[in-house]
Amino acid sequence: MVQDLQTALLAADNLRPIQILGLEEQCSLTDTIISSNPPIMNSEEEFYDAETGLESDDSCEVSFKDAPVYEAKQTSNGRVPSENGLWGRRTTLPSPMFSRNDFSIWGFLKKCIGMELSKITMPIVFNEPLSFLQRLTEYMEHAYLVHKACTLSDSIERMQLVAAFAVSAVASQWDRTGKPFNPLLGETYELIREDDGYRLISEQVSHHPPISAFYAESLSQDFNFHGSIYPKLKFWGKSVEAEPKGTMTLELSKHREAYTWTNPMCCVHNVILGKLWIEQYGTVEIVNHSTREKCVLNFKPCGMFGKELHRVEGYIQDKSKKKRCVIYGKWTECLYTIEPKVYDANKRIEKKSGDSKKHKQEQNAGSGADDADEMPDVQDTVTVIPGSTLLWRIAPRPTHSAQMYNFTSFAMTLNELEPGMEGVVAPTDCRLRPDIRAMENGDIDAASQEKERLEEKQRAARRERAKDEEEWSTRWFQQGMNPHTGTADWIYTGGYFDRKYSRLPDIY
């Protein structure tokens, strides 16, 4: 029971694709949980939850026979060939993940009952060695889909790949049980991938509410992708529901197109008792503001028998609202597109053959109610309808991923300090955070001490600003209006890659 509680509360900090952010501070005393001290909560001390994983089948054994595939530029085990043969990105972390089995949080949990969710602080032992800004960057793991969209002349085909990009961003999060570190106010992260043709900059622009802003652009000026992320949490007794806040905007410069969308809802089940499991559900609308075409994606709730768990189904319509194609698959596995008439005919056949099976399931279903919301059995992988085109499929994780916080090959590289990087990236970059670096190296005691020091330094800086009646000033982003939706947004002001790091806060 204690282990179930431990696992449940741990992953409740991990609500992605909504990417739940947290506030500037965490309680330093809870970091000492690793030495069995009970946590003490403080009204000023807050936490943030981040993207989640979902326990799922490992199988991607779908049939790709006779399915045309959009070609993708992918690397092997996250290692990029180097022209001089001397450098390739790392394929593992410096130290494997430590066991969490020895850490009980039952006493911690009892003290949190009835508290506002944004005031709960998780012990460092349940973190993963990444900042949320770095985890947010995992949206770019499948940037090849956007590059491919830029080359297509047909707007419906471009929308298909944009939809695949939006869905694929969620895929790397299942089975990720660790929560990222809270970004400090003013913290930044840059990522330059010349081989993948883009660069990205992000900044923690607010701590109340907690907001992370990012901006990515193609090195060939084909596209830019930007947004700001923050959530709204609701506690429903046995589950936590996260409502996404913030808009994703993708602009394809060659085609003079702008696409916007928001993330689906996420629900974490069994945060108090039972085995944790997560589902994503709700309607995501991707709008092409230039052509008025729209993609409507339905992230399906699992249903009574779990048949719909992980499934995504939707369609693309043109400006006259005519359905042009159907999109289907699983956000944990793959995504296909097919002609609407073919899809509808297949669904009619499927419905007829499934009626008797459904009746048998209903007869066998138990009527008793458990204290926990049991996770449904994961159903078979996606059945490929003849005539379908594969838009995207998940890449296999490294064989040692389970010992490395269940990181993907891409995630494995995000905190690496490449040769010559220190002194080039901004002094506020996540890679320079001593607590994250200590945890990555397997020194949990040092990580806890550094985390406490950084948070106290941040609190002291806030007190000084309040004393001087000084407002916090962001460096690379400013509040403005999204020109396509007319809603409030954080706009990149430019200049980061000029390497003129003036007016940066001393946060480390």
Protein backbone atom coordinates (compact mmCIF):
# COMPACT_ATOMS: atom_id res chain seq x y z
CA MET A 1 0.00 0.00 0.00
CA VAL A 2 2.74 2.42 0.92
CA GLN A 3 4.55 1.63 -2.31
CA ASP A 4 1.39 2.29 -4.30
CA LEU A 5 0.96 5.64 -2.55
CA GLN A 6 4.57 6.48 -3.17
CA THR A 7 4.29 5.70 -6.85
CA ALA A 8 0.97 7.48 -7.21
CA LEU A 9 2.00 10.76 -5.63
CA LEU A 10 5.26 10.68 -7.50
CA ALA A 11 3.65 10.49 -10.89
CA ALA A 12 0.97 12.97 -9.94
CA ASP A 13 3.79 15.49 -10.30
CA ASN A 14 4.11 14.41 -13.88
CA LEU A 15 0.96 15.50 -15.76
CA ARG A 16 2.03 15.84 -19.45
CA PRO A 17 1.07 16.67 -22.37
CA ILE A 18 -0.29 19.60 -20.45
CA GLN A 19 3.16 20.16 -19.06
CA ILE A 20 2.20 21.35 -15.63
CA LEU A 21 4.40 24.05 -14.37
CA GLY A 22 5.14 25.12 -10.88
CA LEU A 23 6.08 28.13 -8.94
CA GLU A 24 9.43 29.66 -8.32
CA GLU A 25 10.13 28.01 -4.98
CA GLN A 26 10.00 24.58 -3.45
CA CYS A 27 10.21 23.83 0.23
CA SER A 28 13.83 23.25 1.08
CA LEU A 29 12.96 21.16 4.10
CA THR A 30 11.23 18.53 2.01
CA ASP A 31 14.50 17.91 0.25
CA THR A 32 15.73 16.39 3.50
CA ILE A 33 13.19 13.59 3.15
CA ILE A 34 16.08 11.52 1.86
CA SER A 35 17.35 11.49 5.43
CA SER A 36 13.90 10.43 6.74
CA ASN A 37 12.92 13.85 8.15
CA PRO A 38 9.20 14.66 7.88
CA PRO A 39 8.41 17.48 5.43
CA ILE A 40 7.23 20.86 6.61
CA MET A 41 4.94 22.85 4.35
CA ASN A 42 5.10 26.62 4.02
CA SER A 43 2.53 28.87 2.39
CA GLU A 44 5.21 30.50 0.26
CA GLU A 45 6.74 27.27 -0.87
CA GLU A 46 5.24 25.72 -3.94
CA PHE A 47 5.77 23.00 -6.47
CA TYR A 48 5.19 22.36 -10.10
CA ASP A 49 4.08 19.28 -11.91
CA ALA A 50 5.27 18.45 -15.32
CA GLU A 51 4.66 16.19 -18.22
CA THR A 52 3.70 12.67 -17.48
CA GLY A 53 4.24 9.25 -18.69
CA LEU A 54 1.56 6.65 -18.92
CA GLU A 55 2.06 3.04 -18.15
CA SER A 56 1.51 1.39 -21.48
CA ASP A 57 2.28 -1.62 -23.52
CA ASP A 58 5.80 -1.52 -24.93
CA SER A 59 4.61 -2.89 -28.22
CA CYS A 60 4.71 -0.99 -31.45
CA GLU A 61 4.07 -4.16 -33.40
CA VAL A 62 1.69 -2.64 -35.89
CA SER A 63 1.71 -3.82 -39.45
CA PHE A 64 3.31 -1.30 -41.77
CA LYS A 65 2.86 -3.53 -44.79
CA ASP A 66 1.58 -1.69 -47.86
CA ALA A 67 1.49 1.58 -45.90
CA PRO A 68 3.32 4.48 -47.58
CA VAL A 69 5.59 6.26 -45.10
CA TYR A 70 6.77 9.85 -44.99
CA GLU A 71 10.54 9.66 -44.75
CA ALA A 72 12.02 10.92 -41.49
CA LYS A 73 15.51 11.94 -40.52
CA GLN A 74 16.26 9.92 -37.41
CA THR A 75 19.46 9.13 -35.60
CA SER A 76 20.58 5.85 -34.09
CA ASN A 77 20.54 5.78 -30.29
CA GLY A 78 20.65 9.58 -30.24
CA ARG A 79 24.19 9.60 -31.62
CA VAL A 80 24.81 12.00 -34.48
CA PRO A 81 27.65 11.24 -36.90
CA SER A 82 30.42 13.81 -36.77
CA GLU A 83 32.26 14.98 -39.86
CA ASN A 84 35.61 14.78 -38.10
CA GLY A 85 34.77 11.50 -36.41
CA LEU A 86 35.56 12.87 -32.95
CA TRP A 87 32.20 13.84 -31.50
CA GLY A 88 28.83 12.20 -31.12
CA ARG A 89 26.08 12.89 -28.63
CA ARG A 90 25.94 10.71 -25.57
CA THR A 91 23.70 7.67 -25.45
CA THR A 92 23.60 7.28 -21.66
CA LEU A 93 23.68 9.37 -18.48
CA PRO A 94 26.76 9.63 -16.24
CA SER A 95 25.01 7.65 -13.50
CA PRO A 96 21.99 5.33 -13.53
CA MET A 97 18.77 6.15 -11.73
CA PHE A 98 18.81 5.37 -8.01
CA SER A 99 16.17 3.15 -6.42
CA ARG A 100 13.20 4.89 -4.87
CA ASN A 101 12.04 1.79 -3.03
CA ASP A 102 13.63 2.87 0.26
CA PHE A 103 11.76 6.18 0.43
CA SER A 104 8.36 6.25 2.09
CA ILE A 105 6.10 9.26 1.66
CA TRP A 106 3.15 8.10 3.74
CA GLY A 107 3.92 10.63 6.47
CA PHE A 108 4.39 13.28 3.82
CA LEU A 109 1.09 12.40 2.19
CA LYS A 110 -0.85 12.67 5.45
CA LYS A 111 0.42 16.22 5.94
CA CYS A 112 -0.77 17.19 2.45
CA ILE A 113 -4.40 16.13 2.86
CA GLY A 114 -6.69 19.09 2.27
CA MET A 115 -3.92 21.34 1.01
CA GLU A 116 -4.04 23.34 -2.19
CA LEU A 117 -2.25 21.38 -4.91
CA SER A 118 0.02 24.25 -5.82
CA LYS A 119 1.42 24.24 -2.26
CA ILE A 120 2.60 20.62 -2.28
CA THR A 121 6.33 20.10 -2.63
CA MET A 122 7.75 16.80 -3.80
CA PRO A 123 11.03 15.46 -2.40
CA ILE A 124 14.01 15.61 -4.73
CA VAL A 125 14.26 11.83 -4.80
CA PHE A 126 11.27 11.83 -7.12
CA ASN A 127 12.81 14.22 -9.63
CA GLU A 128 14.55 13.39 -12.88
CA PRO A 129 17.77 15.25 -13.82
CA LEU A 130 16.15 17.73 -16.21
CA SER A 131 14.62 21.15 -15.78
CA PHE A 132 11.08 21.61 -17.05
CA LEU A 133 12.48 23.91 -19.72
CA GLN A 134 14.51 20.97 -21.01
CA ARG A 135 11.57 18.63 -20.88
CA LEU A 136 9.50 21.18 -22.76
CA THR A 137 12.14 21.00 -25.49
CA GLU A 138 11.17 17.39 -26.14
CA TYR A 139 8.42 18.81 -28.32
CA MET A 140 11.18 19.18 -30.92
CA GLU A 141 12.17 15.50 -30.98
CA HIS A 142 10.04 15.01 -34.09
CA ALA A 143 10.91 18.27 -35.85
CA TYR A 144 11.50 16.30 -39.05
CA LEU A 145 7.70 16.26 -39.46
CA VAL A 146 7.67 20.05 -39.70
CA HIS A 147 10.61 20.09 -42.11
CA LYS A 148 8.73 17.62 -44.31
CA ALA A 149 5.56 19.71 -44.15
CA CYS A 150 7.52 22.72 -45.43
CA THR A 151 8.37 20.82 -48.63
CA LEU A 152 4.81 19.82 -49.53
CA SER A 153 2.71 21.79 -51.98
CA ASP A 154 -0.68 20.50 -50.82
CA SER A 155 -2.10 22.22 -47.74
CA ILE A 156 -4.07 19.15 -46.60
CA GLU A 157 -0.89 17.06 -46.64
CA ARG A 158 0.87 19.78 -44.68
CA MET A 159 -1.91 19.74 -42.09
CA GLN A 160 -1.54 15.96 -41.75
CA LEU A 161 2.09 16.33 -40.76
CA VAL A 162 1.38 19.24 -38.42
CA ALA A 163 -1.21 17.03 -36.71
CA ALA A 164 1.36 14.24 -36.43
CA PHE A 165 3.83 16.71 -34.91
CA ALA A 166 1.28 17.81 -32.30
CA VAL A 167 0.47 14.21 -31.33
CA SER A 168 4.06 12.95 -31.39
CA ALA A 169 5.07 15.55 -28.81
CA VAL A 170 3.21 13.51 -26.19
CA ALA A 171 4.74 10.15 -27.05
CA SER A 172 8.05 10.47 -25.23
CA GLN A 173 6.28 11.07 -21.91
CA TRP A 174 4.71 7.71 -21.15
CA ASP A 175 6.48 5.75 -18.41
CA ARG A 176 8.36 8.88 -17.30
CA THR A 177 7.82 8.68 -13.55
CA GLY A 178 10.22 11.42 -12.49
CA LYS A 179 9.26 15.09 -12.34
CA PRO A 180 11.54 17.74 -13.81
CA PHE A 181 13.10 20.39 -11.60
CA ASN A 182 11.19 23.65 -11.22
CA PRO A 183 12.77 26.29 -13.44
CA LEU A 184 14.07 29.21 -11.42
CA LEU A 185 12.69 32.60 -12.40
CA GLY A 186 14.93 33.83 -15.21
CA GLU A 187 16.30 30.37 -16.01
CA THR A 188 16.88 29.69 -19.71
CA TYR A 189 17.63 26.79 -21.99
CA GLU A 190 18.96 26.79 -25.52
CA LEU A 191 19.18 23.91 -27.95
CA ILE A 192 20.90 24.06 -31.32
CA ARG A 193 20.61 21.03 -33.58
CA GLU A 194 22.35 21.78 -36.85
CA ASP A 195 21.81 18.22 -38.05
CA ASP A 196 18.06 18.58 -37.46
CA GLY A 197 18.02 22.15 -38.76
CA TYR A 198 16.65 24.18 -35.85
CA ARG A 199 17.52 26.10 -32.71
CA LEU A 200 15.42 26.86 -29.62
CA ILE A 201 15.47 29.25 -26.68
CA SER A 202 13.18 29.12 -23.63
CA GLU A 203 12.86 31.21 -20.49
CA GLN A 204 10.98 30.95 -17.21
CA VAL A 205 9.10 34.23 -17.46
CA SER A 206 6.82 34.07 -14.42
CA HIS A 207 6.51 32.22 -11.15
CA HIS A 208 2.97 33.23 -10.15
CA PRO A 209 1.37 31.93 -12.26
CA PRO A 210 4.24 29.69 -13.36
CA ILE A 211 4.88 30.22 -17.08
CA SER A 212 7.56 28.91 -19.40
CA ALA A 213 7.91 30.54 -22.81
CA PHE A 214 9.79 29.08 -25.77
CA TYR A 215 10.69 29.94 -29.33
CA ALA A 216 12.18 27.59 -31.95
CA GLU A 217 13.14 28.40 -35.51
CA SER A 218 14.44 26.59 -38.54
CA LEU A 219 18.06 27.34 -39.38
CA SER A 220 16.95 27.73 -43.00
CA GLN A 221 14.12 30.08 -41.95
CA ASP A 222 11.44 27.61 -43.10
CA PHE A 223 9.42 27.72 -39.89
CA ASN A 224 9.17 28.98 -36.34
CA PHE A 225 7.38 27.32 -33.45
CA HIS A 226 6.56 29.12 -30.22
CA GLY A 227 4.29 29.16 -27.21
CA SER A 228 3.92 29.51 -23.46
CA ILE A 229 2.87 26.76 -21.09
CA TYR A 230 0.99 26.76 -17.79
CA PRO A 231 -1.88 24.62 -16.41
CA LYS A 232 -4.92 24.71 -14.21
CA LEU A 233 -5.28 21.81 -11.74
CA LYS A 234 -8.40 20.31 -10.21
CA PHE A 235 -8.48 17.65 -7.51
CA TRP A 236 -11.39 15.21 -7.66
CA GLY A 237 -10.65 13.00 -4.65
CA LYS A 238 -9.07 9.98 -6.33
CA SER A 239 -7.73 11.82 -9.36
CA VAL A 240 -6.12 15.04 -10.49
CA GLU A 241 -7.28 16.69 -13.70
CA ALA A 242 -5.12 19.16 -15.57
CA GLU A 243 -6.61 21.69 -17.96
CA PRO A 244 -4.06 22.97 -20.47
CA LYS A 245 -3.34 26.65 -20.67
CA GLY A 246 -1.26 28.24 -23.37
CA THR A 247 -1.28 28.17 -27.16
CA MET A 248 1.11 26.42 -29.54
CA THR A 249 1.83 28.34 -32.73
CA LEU A 250 3.60 26.95 -35.78
CA GLU A 251 4.37 29.26 -38.71
CA LEU A 252 5.53 27.96 -42.10
CA SER A 253 7.16 30.95 -43.75
CA LYS A 254 7.36 29.59 -47.32
CA HIS A 255 3.62 28.94 -47.38
CA ARG A 256 2.74 31.97 -45.26
CA GLU A 257 0.72 29.73 -42.97
CA ALA A 258 0.13 29.81 -39.24
CA TYR A 259 -1.25 26.88 -37.24
CA THR A 260 -2.41 27.10 -33.62
CA TRP A 261 -3.62 24.52 -31.11
CA THR A 262 -3.80 23.70 -27.41
CA ASN A 263 -3.09 20.44 -25.62
CA PRO A 264 -5.70 17.87 -24.50
CA MET A 265 -6.91 17.32 -20.96
CA CYS A 266 -4.98 14.95 -18.74
CA CYS A 267 -6.22 12.95 -15.77
CA VAL A 268 -4.01 11.17 -13.24
CA HIS A 269 -5.92 8.36 -11.56
CA ASN A 270 -5.24 6.88 -8.11
CA VAL A 271 -3.22 9.75 -6.66
CA ILE A 272 -4.21 8.56 -3.17
CA LEU A 273 -4.66 4.79 -3.44
CA GLY A 274 -3.95 2.12 -6.03
CA LYS A 275 -1.78 1.85 -9.10
CA LEU A 276 -1.27 5.17 -10.84
CA TRP A 277 -2.40 5.48 -14.42
CA ILE A 278 -2.97 8.41 -16.71
CA GLU A 279 -5.25 9.11 -19.60
CA GLN A 280 -5.44 12.03 -21.98
CA TYR A 281 -8.74 13.07 -23.43
CA GLY A 282 -10.57 15.89 -25.09
CA THR A 283 -10.71 17.60 -28.44
CA VAL A 284 -7.70 19.34 -29.94
CA GLU A 285 -8.36 21.69 -32.83
CA ILE A 286 -5.49 22.65 -35.09
CA VAL A 287 -6.41 25.67 -37.18
CA ASN A 288 -4.66 26.84 -40.34
CA HIS A 289 -5.36 30.56 -40.10
CA SER A 290 -4.29 31.14 -43.70
CA THR A 291 -6.44 28.54 -45.49
CA ARG A 292 -9.14 28.18 -42.80
CA GLU A 293 -8.63 24.42 -42.88
CA LYS A 294 -8.98 22.64 -39.58
CA CYS A 295 -7.87 19.37 -38.02
CA VAL A 296 -10.05 18.06 -35.20
CA LEU A 297 -8.35 15.38 -33.06
CA ASN A 298 -10.24 13.46 -30.39
CA PHE A 299 -8.00 12.04 -27.65
CA LYS A 300 -10.40 9.39 -26.42
CA PRO A 301 -11.06 8.53 -22.77
CA CYS A 302 -10.31 4.88 -22.09
CA GLY A 303 -13.95 3.82 -21.69
CA MET A 304 -15.41 1.07 -19.51
CA PHE A 305 -13.28 -1.75 -20.91
CA GLY A 306 -10.21 0.26 -21.85
CA LYS A 307 -10.76 -0.24 -25.56
CA GLU A 308 -10.05 3.40 -26.34
CA LEU A 309 -7.00 3.80 -24.08
CA HIS A 310 -4.31 5.90 -25.83
CA ARG A 311 -6.37 6.20 -28.99
CA VAL A 312 -6.53 9.31 -31.16
CA GLU A 313 -9.06 9.77 -33.92
CA GLY A 314 -9.92 12.80 -36.00
CA TYR A 315 -10.29 14.39 -39.40
CA ILE A 316 -9.18 17.31 -41.52
CA GLN A 317 -11.77 19.55 -43.11
CA ASP A 318 -11.35 22.27 -45.70
CA LYS A 319 -12.71 25.81 -45.48
CA SER A 320 -16.10 24.63 -46.76
CA LYS A 321 -16.16 22.08 -43.89
CA LYS A 322 -15.86 19.11 -46.21
CA LYS A 323 -14.04 16.21 -44.57
CA ARG A 324 -10.89 15.57 -46.61
CA CYS A 325 -9.19 12.78 -44.66
CA VAL A 326 -9.37 10.81 -41.43
CA ILE A 327 -6.50 10.49 -38.95
CA TYR A 328 -6.27 7.61 -36.47
CA GLY A 329 -3.80 5.82 -34.24
CA LYS A 330 -2.37 5.95 -30.71
CA TRP A 331 -0.38 8.77 -29.19
CA THR A 332 1.90 6.13 -27.66
CA GLU A 333 2.64 4.40 -30.97
CA CYS A 334 1.75 5.75 -34.39
CA LEU A 335 -0.58 7.85 -36.51
CA TYR A 336 -2.18 7.08 -39.87
CA THR A 337 -4.28 8.92 -42.44
CA ILE A 338 -6.87 7.47 -44.83
CA GLU A 339 -9.74 8.47 -47.11
CA PRO A 340 -12.97 9.13 -45.15
CA LYS A 341 -15.10 6.73 -47.22
CA VAL A 342 -12.69 3.86 -46.70
CA TYR A 343 -12.46 4.58 -42.99
CA ASP A 344 -16.24 4.77 -42.54
CA ALA A 345 -16.76 1.49 -44.42
CA ASN A 346 -14.20 -0.24 -42.24
CA LYS A 347 -15.82 1.13 -39.05
CA ARG A 348 -19.22 -0.28 -40.11
CA ILE A 349 -17.70 -3.72 -40.57
CA GLU A 350 -15.85 -3.41 -37.28
CA LYS A 351 -19.01 -2.42 -35.45
CA LYS A 352 -20.94 -5.45 -36.68
CA SER A 353 -18.21 -7.89 -35.70
CA GLY A 354 -17.72 -6.19 -32.35
CA ASP A 355 -21.33 -6.26 -31.10
CA SER A 356 -21.22 -9.86 -29.86
CA LYS A 357 -17.82 -9.32 -28.21
CA LYS A 358 -19.10 -6.24 -26.41
CA HIS A 359 -22.13 -8.17 -25.12
CA LYS A 360 -19.86 -10.89 -23.71
CA GLN A 361 -17.67 -8.27 -22.00
CA GLU A 362 -20.70 -6.69 -20.36
CA GLN A 363 -21.83 -10.07 -19.04
CA ASN A 364 -18.40 -10.76 -17.57
CA ALA A 365 -17.88 -7.32 -16.10
CA GLY A 366 -17.77 -7.23 -12.29
CA SER A 367 -20.34 -5.10 -10.51
CA GLY A 368 -18.26 -4.35 -7.41
CA ALA A 369 -16.64 -0.94 -7.00
CA ASP A 370 -13.01 -0.88 -5.92
CA ASP A 371 -11.48 1.87 -3.85
CA ALA A 372 -9.06 2.53 -6.70
CA ASP A 373 -9.78 3.27 -10.35
CA GLU A 374 -8.17 0.21 -11.88
CA MET A 375 -6.26 0.82 -15.08
CA PRO A 376 -7.90 -1.08 -17.97
CA ASP A 377 -5.90 -3.72 -19.75
CA VAL A 378 -4.14 -2.24 -22.73
CA GLN A 379 -5.81 -3.43 -25.91
CA ASP A 380 -4.15 -4.64 -29.08
CA THR A 381 -2.02 -2.22 -31.03
CA VAL A 382 -3.42 -0.19 -33.89
CA THR A 383 -5.14 -2.19 -36.60
CA VAL A 384 -3.99 -0.76 -39.91
CA ILE A 385 -6.75 -0.24 -42.44
CA PRO A 386 -5.69 -1.15 -46.00
CA GLY A 387 -4.96 2.01 -47.97
CA SER A 388 -3.69 3.95 -44.96
CA THR A 389 -0.60 6.15 -45.04
CA LEU A 390 1.68 6.17 -42.01
CA LEU A 391 2.34 9.71 -40.83
CA TRP A 392 4.47 8.99 -37.77
CA ARG A 393 5.56 6.18 -35.50
CA ILE A 394 7.44 6.21 -32.23
CA ALA A 395 11.14 5.41 -32.23
CA PRO A 396 12.28 2.59 -29.92
CA ARG A 397 13.88 3.62 -26.67
CA PRO A 398 17.40 2.55 -25.71
CA THR A 399 17.58 -0.90 -24.13
CA HIS A 400 18.90 0.67 -20.91
CA SER A 401 16.17 3.34 -20.76
CA ALA A 402 14.57 1.90 -17.60
CA GLN A 403 17.82 2.48 -15.71
CA MET A 404 18.01 6.04 -17.07
CA TYR A 405 14.71 7.50 -15.79
CA ASN A 406 12.95 5.99 -18.85
CA PHE A 407 14.53 8.66 -21.02
CA THR A 408 14.36 8.53 -24.78
CA SER A 409 17.57 8.83 -26.77
CA PHE A 410 16.70 12.48 -27.36
CA ALA A 411 16.10 13.22 -23.66
CA MET A 412 19.42 11.54 -22.82
CA THR A 413 21.27 14.35 -24.61
CA LEU A 414 19.45 17.40 -23.26
CA ASN A 415 21.61 18.11 -20.21
CA GLU A 416 24.92 17.28 -21.85
CA LEU A 417 27.59 19.97 -21.77
CA GLU A 418 29.25 19.49 -25.12
CA PRO A 419 32.90 20.51 -25.61
CA GLY A 420 33.23 24.29 -25.79
CA MET A 421 29.64 24.91 -24.71
CA GLU A 422 30.39 26.31 -21.25
CA GLY A 423 31.17 29.98 -21.65
CA VAL A 424 29.04 30.16 -24.80
CA VAL A 425 25.56 29.42 -23.46
CA ALA A 426 23.97 32.02 -21.20
CA PRO A 427 24.97 31.79 -17.52
CA THR A 428 21.28 31.14 -16.76
CA ASP A 429 21.20 27.96 -18.90
CA CYS A 430 19.79 24.80 -17.25
CA ARG A 431 22.95 22.84 -18.02
CA LEU A 432 24.79 25.00 -15.49
CA ARG A 433 22.39 24.30 -12.60
CA PRO A 434 24.45 22.58 -9.90
CA ASP A 435 21.54 20.64 -8.37
CA ILE A 436 20.53 19.05 -11.67
CA ARG A 437 24.16 18.33 -12.52
CA ALA A 438 24.72 16.66 -9.12
CA MET A 439 21.64 14.49 -9.54
CA GLU A 440 22.69 13.47 -13.04
CA ASN A 441 26.05 12.40 -11.57
CA GLY A 442 24.28 10.32 -8.91
CA ASP A 443 25.08 12.55 -5.90
CA ILE A 444 21.64 12.98 -4.33
CA ASP A 445 22.90 14.59 -1.12
CA ALA A 446 24.74 17.31 -3.07
CA ALA A 447 21.73 17.77 -5.35
CA SER A 448 19.45 18.29 -2.35
CA GLN A 449 21.81 20.78 -0.73
CA GLU A 450 22.26 22.75 -3.94
CA LYS A 451 18.55 22.82 -4.61
CA GLU A 452 17.94 24.23 -1.13
CA ARG A 453 20.66 26.84 -1.65
CA LEU A 454 19.27 27.95 -5.02
CA GLU A 455 15.74 28.27 -3.70
CA GLU A 456 16.85 30.32 -0.71
CA LYS A 457 18.87 32.54 -3.03
CA GLN A 458 15.77 33.03 -5.17
CA ARG A 459 13.63 33.88 -2.14
CA ALA A 460 16.23 36.41 -0.97
CA ALA A 461 16.26 38.05 -4.40
CA ARG A 462 12.49 38.32 -4.34
CA ARG A 463 12.58 39.95 -0.91
CA GLU A 464 15.12 42.49 -2.16
CA ARG A 465 12.94 43.35 -5.16
CA ALA A 466 9.95 43.80 -2.88
CA LYS A 467 11.99 46.02 -0.55
CA ASP A 468 13.10 48.22 -3.45
CA GLU A 469 9.62 48.06 -5.07
CA GLU A 470 11.26 46.67 -8.16
CA GLU A 471 9.32 44.62 -10.71
CA TRP A 472 10.79 41.49 -12.25
CA SER A 473 11.91 42.08 -15.84
CA THR A 474 12.05 39.23 -18.34
CA ARG A 475 15.01 39.15 -20.72
CA TRP A 476 14.13 37.35 -23.95
CA PHE A 477 10.31 37.35 -23.97
CA GLN A 478 7.66 39.95 -23.32
CA GLN A 479 3.92 39.82 -22.82
CA GLY A 480 1.92 40.55 -25.92
CA MET A 481 -0.89 39.29 -28.11
CA ASN A 482 -0.83 36.26 -30.37
CA PRO A 483 -1.46 37.81 -33.81
CA HIS A 484 -3.38 34.75 -35.02
CA THR A 485 -5.68 34.05 -32.07
CA GLY A 486 -5.90 37.50 -30.50
CA THR A 487 -5.20 36.00 -27.07
CA ALA A 488 -2.50 36.89 -24.55
CA ASP A 489 0.85 35.27 -25.22
CA TRP A 490 4.58 35.61 -24.55
CA ILE A 491 6.47 36.90 -27.57
CA TYR A 492 10.16 36.29 -28.24
CA THR A 493 11.93 39.64 -28.57
CA GLY A 494 14.98 38.23 -30.35
CA GLY A 495 18.69 38.68 -29.81
CA TYR A 496 19.53 35.67 -27.68
CA PHE A 497 21.86 34.09 -30.21
CA ASP A 498 23.82 37.33 -30.56
CA ARG A 499 25.48 36.16 -27.31
CA LYS A 500 25.23 39.55 -25.63
CA TYR A 501 24.20 38.44 -22.17
CA SER A 502 23.59 41.75 -20.45
CA ARG A 503 21.01 42.28 -17.71
CA LEU A 504 20.87 38.59 -16.78
CA PRO A 505 20.00 37.67 -13.19
CA ASP A 506 22.46 35.82 -10.96
CA ILE A 507 20.34 32.76 -10.19
CA TYR A 508 22.94 30.03 -9.63
